[in-house]
């Protein structure tokens, strides 16, 4: 499958489930203290670095973007799905959302004060992840934080039905924290913390807090 194929499938699938997914996820952070704590740590790191625009990459309906905004972060959202962006703009009219792909971020070098990918890298195949992470490093300012949340496990599964029973065609990739940590280091990041979520449960996850080194002045890839 070519990048155009899986990107198109992901965009179309989330267009189809956008409204149902927004209903499903709207109150999710309220029952997730570990996620809220990670976002608060991230917000503090952005503030400690002097603040500035922060990209929520793969923002979906914008619930995390809005939560960060409530913490005082100048957050904006980017999503591959125009349908998701429409929902995000409708539900959070005071915030900025735009259509875009993490495989080709339309942001200037060293232009943002932070980035997060909360369960959005899960649809990126292994062979494309290193380039995506290098793209994050390119657009982050030296010293800026990156927060990544993902499913923990091995292998991939094709998801054919999604929220509200609507058809989907997306691969969900589960990964071990050690693998993602290795990719982050290869891309030029320093990994500072690793948090496991529900490790004994049926849907374990993890959050990695990484940073573009303050001394990194290399700019592009």
Protein backbone atom coordinates (compact mmCIF):
# COMPACT_ATOMS: atom_id res chain seq x y z
CA UNK A 1 0.00 0.00 0.00
CA UNK A 2 1.38 3.40 -0.98
CA UNK A 3 1.32 6.43 1.37
CA UNK A 4 -1.41 7.98 -0.76
CA UNK A 5 -3.55 4.88 -0.21
CA UNK A 6 -3.38 4.71 3.58
CA UNK A 7 -3.58 8.47 3.99
CA UNK A 8 -6.71 8.58 1.82
CA UNK A 9 -8.25 5.64 3.70
CA UNK A 10 -7.55 7.29 7.06
CA UNK A 11 -8.97 10.64 5.97
CA UNK A 12 -12.12 9.11 4.48
CA UNK A 13 -12.69 6.84 7.48
CA UNK A 14 -12.51 9.69 9.97
CA UNK A 15 -14.69 11.89 7.78
CA UNK A 16 -17.29 9.12 8.06
CA UNK A 17 -17.16 8.80 11.85
CA UNK A 18 -16.36 12.42 12.76
CA UNK A 19 -19.62 13.30 14.50
CA UNK A 20 -19.94 9.94 16.27
CA UNK A 21 -16.32 10.03 17.38
CA UNK A 22 -16.74 13.54 18.79
CA UNK A 23 -19.73 12.33 20.84
CA UNK A 24 -17.73 9.32 22.05
CA UNK A 25 -14.59 11.20 23.08
CA UNK A 26 -16.03 14.50 24.31
CA UNK A 27 -15.83 13.75 28.06
CA UNK A 28 -12.92 11.29 27.90
CA UNK A 29 -10.40 13.50 29.68
CA UNK A 30 -12.75 13.94 32.62
CA UNK A 31 -12.28 10.29 33.57
CA UNK A 32 -8.57 10.11 32.79
CA UNK A 33 -6.47 11.74 35.53
CA UNK A 34 -3.22 10.34 34.11
CA UNK A 35 -3.87 12.01 30.77
CA UNK A 36 -4.75 15.29 32.44
CA UNK A 37 -1.55 15.11 34.48
CA UNK A 38 0.52 14.52 31.34
CA UNK A 39 -1.12 17.46 29.61
CA UNK A 40 -0.50 19.69 32.64
CA UNK A 41 3.19 18.68 32.62
CA UNK A 42 3.34 19.47 28.92
CA UNK A 43 1.63 22.85 29.42
CA UNK A 44 4.10 23.73 32.18
CA UNK A 45 7.02 22.81 29.91
CA UNK A 46 5.68 25.05 27.15
CA UNK A 47 5.27 27.93 29.60
CA UNK A 48 8.75 27.37 31.05
CA UNK A 49 10.12 27.64 27.52
CA UNK A 50 8.56 31.07 27.05
CA UNK A 51 5.28 29.99 25.47
CA UNK A 52 4.20 30.25 21.87
CA UNK A 53 2.05 28.29 19.41
CA UNK A 54 1.61 24.57 20.05
CA UNK A 55 0.42 22.06 17.44
CA UNK A 56 -2.01 19.29 18.36
CA UNK A 57 -1.24 17.00 15.42
CA UNK A 58 -4.04 14.58 14.63
CA UNK A 59 -6.38 16.67 16.78
CA UNK A 60 -9.62 14.95 15.79
CA UNK A 61 -12.62 16.90 17.13
CA UNK A 62 -10.36 19.23 19.11
CA UNK A 63 -11.07 18.12 22.68
CA UNK A 64 -7.37 17.97 23.64
CA UNK A 65 -6.64 21.24 21.83
CA UNK A 66 -9.40 22.89 23.84
CA UNK A 67 -8.17 21.36 27.10
CA UNK A 68 -4.68 22.72 26.50
CA UNK A 69 -6.16 26.12 25.70
CA UNK A 70 -7.87 26.00 29.09
CA UNK A 71 -4.44 25.45 30.65
CA UNK A 72 -3.20 28.65 29.04
CA UNK A 73 -1.52 27.07 26.02
CA UNK A 74 -1.74 28.79 22.62
CA UNK A 75 -2.82 25.49 21.03
CA UNK A 76 -4.07 24.91 17.49
CA UNK A 77 -5.14 21.68 15.83
CA UNK A 78 -4.14 19.90 12.65
CA UNK A 79 -5.97 16.88 11.31
CA UNK A 80 -5.91 14.84 8.11
CA UNK A 81 -9.71 14.57 8.05
CA UNK A 82 -11.66 17.61 6.79
CA UNK A 83 -14.71 16.18 8.54
CA UNK A 84 -12.92 16.15 11.87
CA UNK A 85 -11.70 19.70 11.33
CA UNK A 86 -15.28 20.81 10.59
CA UNK A 87 -16.47 19.27 13.86
CA UNK A 88 -13.58 20.81 15.81
CA UNK A 89 -14.30 24.26 14.41
CA UNK A 90 -17.99 23.90 15.24
CA UNK A 91 -17.41 22.70 18.80
CA UNK A 92 -14.55 25.09 19.58
CA UNK A 93 -15.20 28.19 17.45
CA UNK A 94 -12.63 30.34 19.20
CA UNK A 95 -9.73 28.05 18.35
CA UNK A 96 -7.72 27.46 15.18
CA UNK A 97 -7.99 24.18 13.29
CA UNK A 98 -6.64 23.29 9.88
CA UNK A 99 -6.47 20.32 7.54
CA UNK A 100 -3.00 18.84 7.20
CA UNK A 101 -0.90 15.71 7.46
CA UNK A 102 1.80 14.87 9.97
CA UNK A 103 3.67 13.31 7.07
CA UNK A 104 4.18 16.77 5.56
CA UNK A 105 3.69 19.46 8.18
CA UNK A 106 3.06 22.86 6.60
CA UNK A 107 4.91 24.72 9.33
CA UNK A 108 8.12 26.70 9.22
CA UNK A 109 11.33 25.39 10.74
CA UNK A 110 11.60 25.96 14.51
CA UNK A 111 8.26 27.79 14.52
CA UNK A 112 6.32 26.12 17.35
CA UNK A 113 6.78 25.93 21.11
CA UNK A 114 5.47 22.38 21.47
CA UNK A 115 3.71 19.55 19.68
CA UNK A 116 1.66 16.56 20.67
CA UNK A 117 0.38 13.49 18.89
CA UNK A 118 -2.24 11.94 21.17
CA UNK A 119 -3.10 8.53 19.72
CA UNK A 120 -2.65 9.82 16.16
CA UNK A 121 0.65 8.10 15.31
CA UNK A 122 -1.26 4.83 15.68
CA UNK A 123 -2.34 5.03 12.03
CA UNK A 124 1.18 5.67 10.68
CA UNK A 125 2.96 2.50 9.46
CA UNK A 126 6.35 1.68 10.95
CA UNK A 127 8.29 2.63 7.85
CA UNK A 128 6.84 6.17 7.90
CA UNK A 129 7.26 6.92 11.62
CA UNK A 130 10.95 8.02 11.54
CA UNK A 131 10.21 10.66 8.87
CA UNK A 132 7.19 11.90 10.83
CA UNK A 133 9.28 12.30 13.99
CA UNK A 134 12.00 14.09 12.04
CA UNK A 135 9.29 16.43 10.77
CA UNK A 136 8.25 17.16 14.34
CA UNK A 137 11.85 18.00 15.25
CA UNK A 138 12.12 20.31 12.26
CA UNK A 139 9.15 22.46 13.25
CA UNK A 140 9.84 22.54 17.00
CA UNK A 141 12.01 25.22 18.49
CA UNK A 142 15.18 24.03 20.24
CA UNK A 143 14.22 22.96 23.75
CA UNK A 144 10.52 22.56 22.90
CA UNK A 145 8.57 19.52 24.18
CA UNK A 146 6.84 16.74 22.25
CA UNK A 147 4.15 14.58 23.87
CA UNK A 148 3.12 11.29 22.26
CA UNK A 149 0.34 8.95 23.41
CA UNK A 150 -0.14 5.54 21.81
CA UNK A 151 -1.46 2.00 22.15
CA UNK A 152 1.02 -0.47 23.63
CA UNK A 153 1.44 -3.91 22.11
CA UNK A 154 2.63 -5.71 19.04
CA UNK A 155 1.42 -5.81 15.48
CA UNK A 156 -1.35 -4.09 13.57
CA UNK A 157 -5.06 -4.59 13.09
CA UNK A 158 -7.33 -3.43 10.29
CA UNK A 159 -10.28 -1.53 11.74
CA UNK A 160 -13.30 -1.93 9.48
CA UNK A 161 -16.05 -0.56 11.70
CA UNK A 162 -15.88 2.45 13.94
CA UNK A 163 -17.77 4.78 16.18
CA UNK A 164 -21.51 4.69 15.65
CA UNK A 165 -21.15 1.49 13.61
CA UNK A 166 -19.89 3.36 10.55
CA UNK A 167 -17.51 1.66 8.12
CA UNK A 168 -13.81 2.41 8.40
CA UNK A 169 -10.63 1.21 6.72
CA UNK A 170 -7.68 2.10 8.91
CA UNK A 171 -4.80 0.13 10.33
CA UNK A 172 -4.19 0.53 14.06
CA UNK A 173 -0.55 -0.03 14.96
CA UNK A 174 0.40 -1.04 18.50
CA UNK A 175 3.98 -0.47 19.61
CA UNK A 176 6.31 -1.00 22.53
CA UNK A 177 7.61 2.11 24.31
CA UNK A 178 11.19 0.98 23.69
CA UNK A 179 10.62 1.03 19.93
CA UNK A 180 9.12 4.50 19.90
CA UNK A 181 11.85 5.74 22.24
CA UNK A 182 14.49 4.42 19.84
CA UNK A 183 12.82 6.18 16.89
CA UNK A 184 12.63 9.44 18.86
CA UNK A 185 16.32 9.29 19.73
CA UNK A 186 17.24 8.53 16.13
CA UNK A 187 15.21 11.60 15.10
CA UNK A 188 17.22 13.80 17.45
CA UNK A 189 14.97 13.94 20.52
CA UNK A 190 15.79 13.46 24.17
CA UNK A 191 13.19 11.25 25.87
CA UNK A 192 12.59 12.46 29.43
CA UNK A 193 9.65 10.46 30.81
CA UNK A 194 7.62 7.36 30.03
CA UNK A 195 4.21 6.72 31.59
CA UNK A 196 2.36 3.42 31.23
CA UNK A 197 -1.43 3.51 31.21
CA UNK A 198 -3.50 0.52 32.37
CA UNK A 199 -0.60 -1.92 31.70
CA UNK A 200 -2.58 -4.91 33.01
CA UNK A 201 -5.80 -3.95 31.24
CA UNK A 202 -7.29 -4.87 27.89
CA UNK A 203 -6.15 -1.68 26.16
CA UNK A 204 -2.76 -0.64 27.59
CA UNK A 205 -1.25 2.64 26.50
CA UNK A 206 1.76 4.82 27.09
CA UNK A 207 2.79 8.46 26.99
CA UNK A 208 6.29 9.60 26.11
CA UNK A 209 7.52 13.09 26.95
CA UNK A 210 10.40 14.09 24.68
CA UNK A 211 12.20 17.29 23.85
CA UNK A 212 14.19 18.75 21.01
CA UNK A 213 17.53 19.47 22.72
CA UNK A 214 18.06 23.14 23.61
CA UNK A 215 21.46 23.10 21.89
CA UNK A 216 20.02 21.72 18.62
CA UNK A 217 20.42 24.50 16.05
CA UNK A 218 20.42 22.28 12.98
CA UNK A 219 17.04 23.51 11.67
CA UNK A 220 15.90 21.11 8.94
CA UNK A 221 16.00 17.36 8.66
